[in-house]
Amino acid sequence: MTIEIWSDIVCPFCYLGKRKLEKALETFDADVPITIIYKSFQLMPDIQTQPGLSINEFLAREKGISPEQAREMNEYVTKQAHSLGLDYQLDRAVVANTFRAHRLLHHANSQGLQSETKERLLRAYFTEGKNIDDNATLLALADEIGLTEVQQVLDSDDYAMEVRADQWEARQLGIKGVPFFVFNRKRAISGARELSLFSETLSQAFSEENGQSINR
C-alpha cells in the first residue's frame, strides 16, 4: 500500500494529521508493506522568512484578525496537539519560507530517510522554535538524522524541480489545502480528521488492493 501525503512543514494540522495516521497504523492489523511518501505543498510560497516576527502577529496580519484572535487560534491547535502527545510551543515559532526545507525532504527521500527528516523538521519548528529556512539549522538537523551531501544540496538548486512538480501535481488533483492523504491513488482524506476515519480508510484501501477484509 502506498500513502502519499501532501503537507507543509509550518502547517499545524499537518503535524496533527501525521500523528493520527501513525496511530491508526499502529492498530492496522494487516501484514502488508506500506510505503509513505511526503509530497511538497507550500501554503504560503511567497512569504519571507522573518525571525523577529511572532507567529501571532504574522497570523493577525495575514488573516486580517486581531493578535488576540490569532493567539486564541494557536491555543486551540496547541490543545489538540497535546491530546496527541505533541508539544507545540508556537510562541517560539519562527516565520519561515519552507521551500529550502522541502528540497531537503526530497534529498532525504533519495537516501531513504524522508520520514525521519519530516518528523525532525516538524519538531524543530513546532516545539524547538528553530528557523527551518536557515542553512546552518538544516545542516545540524540533517547531521542528527544521518543525511549526507546536504551542504551540496543547500548550496545548489537541487530538488527545486521536484518540489515544484509536487505542487503542480497537487493542483492537478484539486488539492487546495493540507494535509491531504492519498491511499493507493483511490481514496483520500483531506485534513487532520478523526482517528477512526484514518483506520477505516486504511482498511478500505487494503480490501480494495487485496480482495479481502480485515478483522477489526
Protein backbone atom coordinates (compact mmCIF):
# COMPACT_ATOMS: atom_id res chain seq x y z
CA MET A 1 0.00 0.00 0.00
CA THR A 2 1.25 3.45 -0.89
CA ILE A 3 0.20 6.52 1.08
CA GLU A 4 1.12 9.91 -0.37
CA ILE A 5 0.85 12.92 1.93
CA TRP A 6 0.82 16.47 0.67
CA SER A 7 1.73 18.76 3.56
CA ASP A 8 3.69 21.80 4.65
CA ILE A 9 6.18 21.91 7.50
CA VAL A 10 4.69 25.02 9.13
CA CYS A 11 1.11 23.73 8.96
CA PRO A 12 -0.04 22.80 12.50
CA PHE A 13 -2.75 20.50 11.21
CA CYS A 14 -0.23 18.63 9.05
CA TYR A 15 1.62 17.51 12.17
CA LEU A 16 -1.69 16.51 13.79
CA GLY A 17 -2.69 14.53 10.72
CA LYS A 18 0.67 12.83 10.54
CA ARG A 19 0.36 11.66 14.11
CA LYS A 20 -3.22 10.45 13.62
CA LEU A 21 -2.18 8.37 10.62
CA GLU A 22 0.67 6.88 12.63
CA LYS A 23 -1.68 5.98 15.48
CA ALA A 24 -4.06 4.34 13.01
CA LEU A 25 -1.17 2.36 11.53
CA GLU A 26 -0.25 1.09 15.00
CA THR A 27 -3.55 -0.78 15.18
CA PHE A 28 -3.75 -1.68 11.49
CA ASP A 29 -3.84 -5.47 11.61
CA ALA A 30 -2.65 -6.39 8.13
CA ASP A 31 0.57 -7.98 7.00
CA VAL A 32 1.19 -5.69 4.05
CA PRO A 33 4.14 -3.41 3.23
CA ILE A 34 3.24 0.26 3.49
CA THR A 35 5.17 3.00 1.73
CA ILE A 36 4.66 6.57 2.90
CA ILE A 37 5.75 9.38 0.60
CA TYR A 38 5.72 13.01 1.70
CA LYS A 39 4.85 15.44 -1.09
CA SER A 40 5.68 19.13 -1.03
CA PHE A 41 2.97 21.75 -0.60
CA GLN A 42 3.62 25.35 0.39
CA LEU A 43 0.66 27.10 1.94
CA MET A 44 2.38 30.48 1.52
CA PRO A 45 5.12 30.06 -1.07
CA ASP A 46 5.87 33.78 -1.30
CA ILE A 47 6.39 34.64 2.36
CA GLN A 48 9.71 35.99 3.52
CA THR A 49 11.47 34.42 6.49
CA GLN A 50 11.11 36.81 9.43
CA PRO A 51 12.76 35.54 12.64
CA GLY A 52 11.79 38.68 14.59
CA LEU A 53 8.06 38.41 13.90
CA SER A 54 5.84 36.50 16.32
CA ILE A 55 3.51 33.89 14.88
CA ASN A 56 0.53 35.69 16.43
CA GLU A 57 1.46 38.95 14.73
CA PHE A 58 2.04 37.12 11.46
CA LEU A 59 -1.33 35.33 11.54
CA ALA A 60 -3.12 38.52 12.51
CA ARG A 61 -1.61 40.33 9.54
CA GLU A 62 -2.18 37.52 7.03
CA LYS A 63 -5.75 36.70 8.08
CA GLY A 64 -6.90 40.21 8.89
CA ILE A 65 -7.70 39.39 12.51
CA SER A 66 -6.57 40.75 15.86
CA PRO A 67 -3.45 39.42 17.61
CA GLU A 68 -5.74 38.19 20.39
CA GLN A 69 -7.80 36.16 17.91
CA ALA A 70 -4.58 34.75 16.46
CA ARG A 71 -3.41 33.78 19.93
CA GLU A 72 -6.70 32.01 20.61
CA MET A 73 -6.38 30.08 17.35
CA ASN A 74 -2.90 28.95 18.33
CA GLU A 75 -4.04 27.96 21.81
CA TYR A 76 -6.81 25.85 20.29
CA VAL A 77 -4.46 23.93 17.99
CA THR A 78 -1.91 23.58 20.80
CA LYS A 79 -4.52 21.79 22.90
CA GLN A 80 -5.30 19.46 20.00
CA ALA A 81 -1.60 18.72 19.63
CA HIS A 82 -1.27 17.98 23.34
CA SER A 83 -4.02 15.36 23.10
CA LEU A 84 -1.85 13.52 20.56
CA GLY A 85 1.33 13.77 22.61
CA LEU A 86 2.75 16.70 20.66
CA ASP A 87 4.31 19.69 22.42
CA TYR A 88 3.51 22.82 20.42
CA GLN A 89 5.42 25.91 21.53
CA LEU A 90 4.01 28.32 18.98
CA ASP A 91 5.18 31.38 20.88
CA ARG A 92 8.69 30.30 19.82
CA ALA A 93 7.84 29.54 16.16
CA VAL A 94 9.90 31.34 13.51
CA VAL A 95 8.02 32.62 10.48
CA ALA A 96 9.86 30.92 7.63
CA ASN A 97 9.63 30.09 3.96
CA THR A 98 9.62 26.30 3.61
CA PHE A 99 10.97 25.83 0.07
CA ARG A 100 14.51 25.02 1.22
CA ALA A 101 13.24 22.53 3.80
CA HIS A 102 11.07 20.83 1.17
CA ARG A 103 14.14 20.42 -1.02
CA LEU A 104 15.86 18.77 1.93
CA LEU A 105 12.93 16.36 2.27
CA HIS A 106 13.34 15.27 -1.34
CA HIS A 107 17.04 14.75 -0.74
CA ALA A 108 16.21 12.70 2.35
CA ASN A 109 13.88 10.57 0.29
CA SER A 110 16.75 9.73 -2.06
CA GLN A 111 18.62 8.36 0.97
CA GLY A 112 15.67 6.51 2.48
CA LEU A 113 15.33 8.92 5.41
CA GLN A 114 12.36 11.03 4.44
CA SER A 115 10.05 10.02 7.32
CA GLU A 116 12.77 10.71 9.90
CA THR A 117 13.54 14.07 8.29
CA LYS A 118 9.89 15.09 8.14
CA GLU A 119 9.39 14.35 11.83
CA ARG A 120 12.58 16.18 12.79
CA LEU A 121 11.66 19.28 10.80
CA LEU A 122 8.19 19.40 12.33
CA ARG A 123 9.55 19.08 15.85
CA ALA A 124 12.19 21.72 15.13
CA TYR A 125 9.54 24.18 14.01
CA PHE A 126 6.65 23.50 16.37
CA THR A 127 8.48 22.62 19.57
CA GLU A 128 12.00 23.99 19.41
CA GLY A 129 11.46 27.33 17.68
CA LYS A 130 14.14 26.68 15.06
CA ASN A 131 14.41 28.59 11.79
CA ILE A 132 13.82 25.90 9.17
CA ASP A 133 14.88 28.26 6.37
CA ASP A 134 18.37 28.62 7.84
CA ASN A 135 21.15 26.57 6.24
CA ALA A 136 23.09 26.07 9.47
CA THR A 137 19.96 24.81 11.20
CA LEU A 138 19.12 22.42 8.38
CA LEU A 139 22.67 21.12 8.32
CA ALA A 140 22.58 20.43 12.06
CA LEU A 141 19.23 18.63 11.81
CA ALA A 142 20.44 16.61 8.83
CA ASP A 143 23.54 15.59 10.75
CA GLU A 144 21.37 14.28 13.59
CA ILE A 145 19.42 12.15 11.13
CA GLY A 146 22.45 10.88 9.26
CA LEU A 147 21.84 12.58 5.92
CA THR A 148 24.88 13.08 3.71
CA GLU A 149 25.77 15.54 0.92
CA VAL A 150 23.43 18.12 2.46
CA GLN A 151 25.72 21.12 2.06
CA GLN A 152 25.91 20.44 -1.67
CA VAL A 153 22.12 20.35 -1.89
CA LEU A 154 21.61 23.56 0.09
CA ASP A 155 24.24 25.41 -1.94
CA SER A 156 22.51 24.49 -5.20
CA ASP A 157 19.06 24.29 -6.76
CA ASP A 158 18.92 20.53 -6.32
CA TYR A 159 15.37 19.18 -5.93
CA ALA A 160 13.77 22.54 -6.72
CA MET A 161 12.07 20.99 -9.74
CA GLU A 162 10.81 18.10 -7.59
CA VAL A 163 9.23 20.49 -5.10
CA ARG A 164 7.51 22.41 -7.88
CA ALA A 165 6.39 19.17 -9.52
CA ASP A 166 4.70 18.07 -6.29
CA GLN A 167 2.87 21.38 -6.09
CA TRP A 168 1.84 21.19 -9.74
CA GLU A 169 0.54 17.66 -9.17
CA ALA A 170 -1.46 18.89 -6.18
CA ARG A 171 -3.18 21.43 -8.40
CA GLN A 172 -3.96 18.74 -10.98
CA LEU A 173 -5.54 16.61 -8.25
CA GLY A 174 -7.57 19.54 -6.99
CA ILE A 175 -5.75 19.74 -3.66
CA LYS A 176 -6.30 23.20 -2.20
CA GLY A 177 -5.41 22.58 1.45
CA VAL A 178 -3.26 20.31 3.54
CA PRO A 179 -2.74 17.82 4.98
CA PHE A 180 -4.07 15.70 2.14
CA PHE A 181 -3.63 11.92 2.28
CA VAL A 182 -3.95 9.71 -0.81
CA PHE A 183 -4.23 5.94 -0.41
CA ASN A 184 -3.22 3.89 -3.47
CA ARG A 185 -4.44 6.76 -5.67
CA LYS A 186 -8.01 5.60 -4.96
CA ARG A 187 -9.04 7.05 -1.61
CA ALA A 188 -8.23 10.33 0.09
CA ILE A 189 -8.55 12.14 3.38
CA SER A 190 -8.47 15.92 3.46
CA GLY A 191 -7.41 17.45 6.74
CA ALA A 192 -6.45 16.14 10.17
CA ARG A 193 -9.70 14.24 10.51
CA GLU A 194 -10.81 11.92 13.30
CA LEU A 195 -8.62 8.90 14.04
CA SER A 196 -11.43 6.48 13.18
CA LEU A 197 -11.54 7.78 9.62
CA PHE A 198 -7.85 7.00 9.14
CA SER A 199 -8.38 3.47 10.44
CA GLU A 200 -11.44 2.96 8.25
CA THR A 201 -9.69 4.27 5.14
CA LEU A 202 -6.67 2.05 5.73
CA SER A 203 -8.97 -0.99 5.92
CA GLN A 204 -10.87 0.01 2.81
CA ALA A 205 -7.68 0.59 0.82
CA PHE A 206 -6.34 -2.79 1.93
CA SER A 207 -9.56 -4.56 0.96
CA GLU A 208 -9.60 -2.96 -2.48
CA GLU A 209 -5.98 -3.86 -3.11
CA ASN A 210 -6.08 -7.42 -1.78
CA GLY A 211 -9.67 -8.51 -2.23
CA GLN A 212 -10.09 -9.33 1.47
CA SER A 213 -11.27 -7.55 4.56
CA ILE A 214 -9.52 -7.01 7.90
CA ASN A 215 -10.89 -8.27 11.18
CA ARG A 216 -11.28 -5.22 13.41
